Protein backbone atom coordinates (compact mmCIF):
# COMPACT_ATOMS: atom_id res chain seq x y z
CA MET A 1 31.55 -8.66 9.19
CA SER A 2 34.88 -8.64 7.35
CA SER A 3 37.66 -6.17 8.07
CA PRO A 4 38.67 -3.53 5.53
CA GLU A 5 41.58 -4.57 3.32
CA THR A 6 43.89 -1.56 3.73
CA VAL A 7 45.01 0.30 6.80
CA GLY A 8 43.48 3.41 5.25
CA ALA A 9 40.11 1.68 5.05
CA SER A 10 40.47 0.59 8.67
CA TYR A 11 41.29 4.18 9.59
CA LYS A 12 38.21 5.48 7.78
CA ALA A 13 36.11 2.80 9.48
CA LYS A 14 37.41 4.07 12.87
CA LEU A 15 39.11 0.75 13.64
CA LEU A 16 42.39 2.66 14.00
CA THR A 17 42.78 5.82 16.06
CA ASP A 18 44.94 8.84 15.29
CA ASP A 19 46.88 8.17 18.50
CA ALA A 20 47.68 4.57 17.55
CA LEU A 21 48.73 5.59 14.03
CA ASP A 22 50.89 8.46 15.31
CA ALA A 23 52.53 6.26 17.96
CA ALA A 24 53.44 3.59 15.40
CA ILE A 25 54.89 6.16 13.00
CA THR A 26 56.86 7.83 15.80
CA ALA A 27 58.25 4.46 16.91
CA TYR A 28 59.29 3.59 13.37
CA LEU A 29 60.97 6.95 12.76
CA ALA A 30 62.81 6.82 16.10
CA ASP A 31 64.56 3.60 15.04
CA PRO A 32 63.66 2.07 11.66
CA SER A 33 65.70 -1.04 12.50
CA ALA A 34 63.61 -1.82 15.60
CA PRO A 35 60.32 -3.67 15.26
CA ALA A 36 57.40 -1.26 14.88
CA VAL A 37 54.03 -2.95 14.62
CA LEU A 38 50.58 -1.48 14.20
CA LYS A 39 47.71 -3.57 15.60
CA ILE A 40 44.27 -3.33 14.03
CA ASP A 41 41.77 -5.73 15.54
CA ASP A 42 43.38 -9.16 15.19
CA LYS A 43 45.76 -8.09 12.42
CA ARG A 44 49.28 -6.67 12.63
CA LEU A 45 51.26 -4.53 10.22
CA ASP A 46 55.07 -4.36 10.22
CA LEU A 47 55.82 -0.70 9.43
CA ALA A 48 59.28 -1.42 7.99
CA ALA A 49 57.77 -3.90 5.54
CA ALA A 50 55.05 -1.42 4.60
CA VAL A 51 57.63 1.29 3.87
CA LEU A 52 59.83 -1.05 1.84
CA ALA A 53 56.81 -2.20 -0.16
CA HIS A 54 55.90 1.39 -1.07
CA GLN A 55 58.62 2.69 -3.41
CA TRP A 56 57.77 6.40 -3.13
CA SER A 57 57.92 6.25 0.66
CA ALA A 58 61.20 4.36 0.65
CA ASP A 59 62.65 6.90 -1.78
CA GLU A 60 61.45 9.82 0.36
CA LEU A 61 63.08 8.37 3.46
CA ALA A 62 66.36 8.03 1.55
CA VAL A 63 66.52 11.79 0.89
CA ALA A 64 69.32 13.02 3.16
CA ASP A 65 67.90 16.48 3.85
CA ALA A 66 64.23 15.50 4.14
CA THR A 67 62.42 17.37 6.89
CA PRO A 68 60.87 15.47 9.81
CA ALA A 69 57.40 16.32 8.46
CA ARG A 70 58.32 14.93 5.03
CA ARG A 71 59.63 11.70 6.60
CA ARG A 72 56.51 11.35 8.75
CA GLN A 73 54.24 11.85 5.73
CA ALA A 74 56.20 9.24 3.74
CA VAL A 75 55.73 6.64 6.48
CA LYS A 76 52.06 7.57 6.97
CA THR A 77 51.41 7.19 3.24
CA ALA A 78 53.01 3.74 3.18
CA VAL A 79 51.07 2.62 6.24
CA LEU A 80 47.67 3.86 5.05
CA LEU A 81 48.10 2.20 1.66
CA ALA A 82 49.34 -1.09 3.13
CA THR A 83 47.19 -4.18 3.01
CA VAL A 84 46.44 -5.96 6.28
């Protein structure tokens, strides 16, 4: 059986829990320069790379007065759309 191609597909397939996703996003937001990795089965996703690859998310994180919820949603969007 092959793994889903995106993190979102893995999430829908229940290969990724809410807790794991939330923990990875929290780690990334706490210090975007530190390594934050999401593990799904035998695959790994670098959250910083996912955010940089998703222009809207990168732009949202650059907004100086963005709320914490807005920042979290930007990272979550990038992660769920990322290919693993």
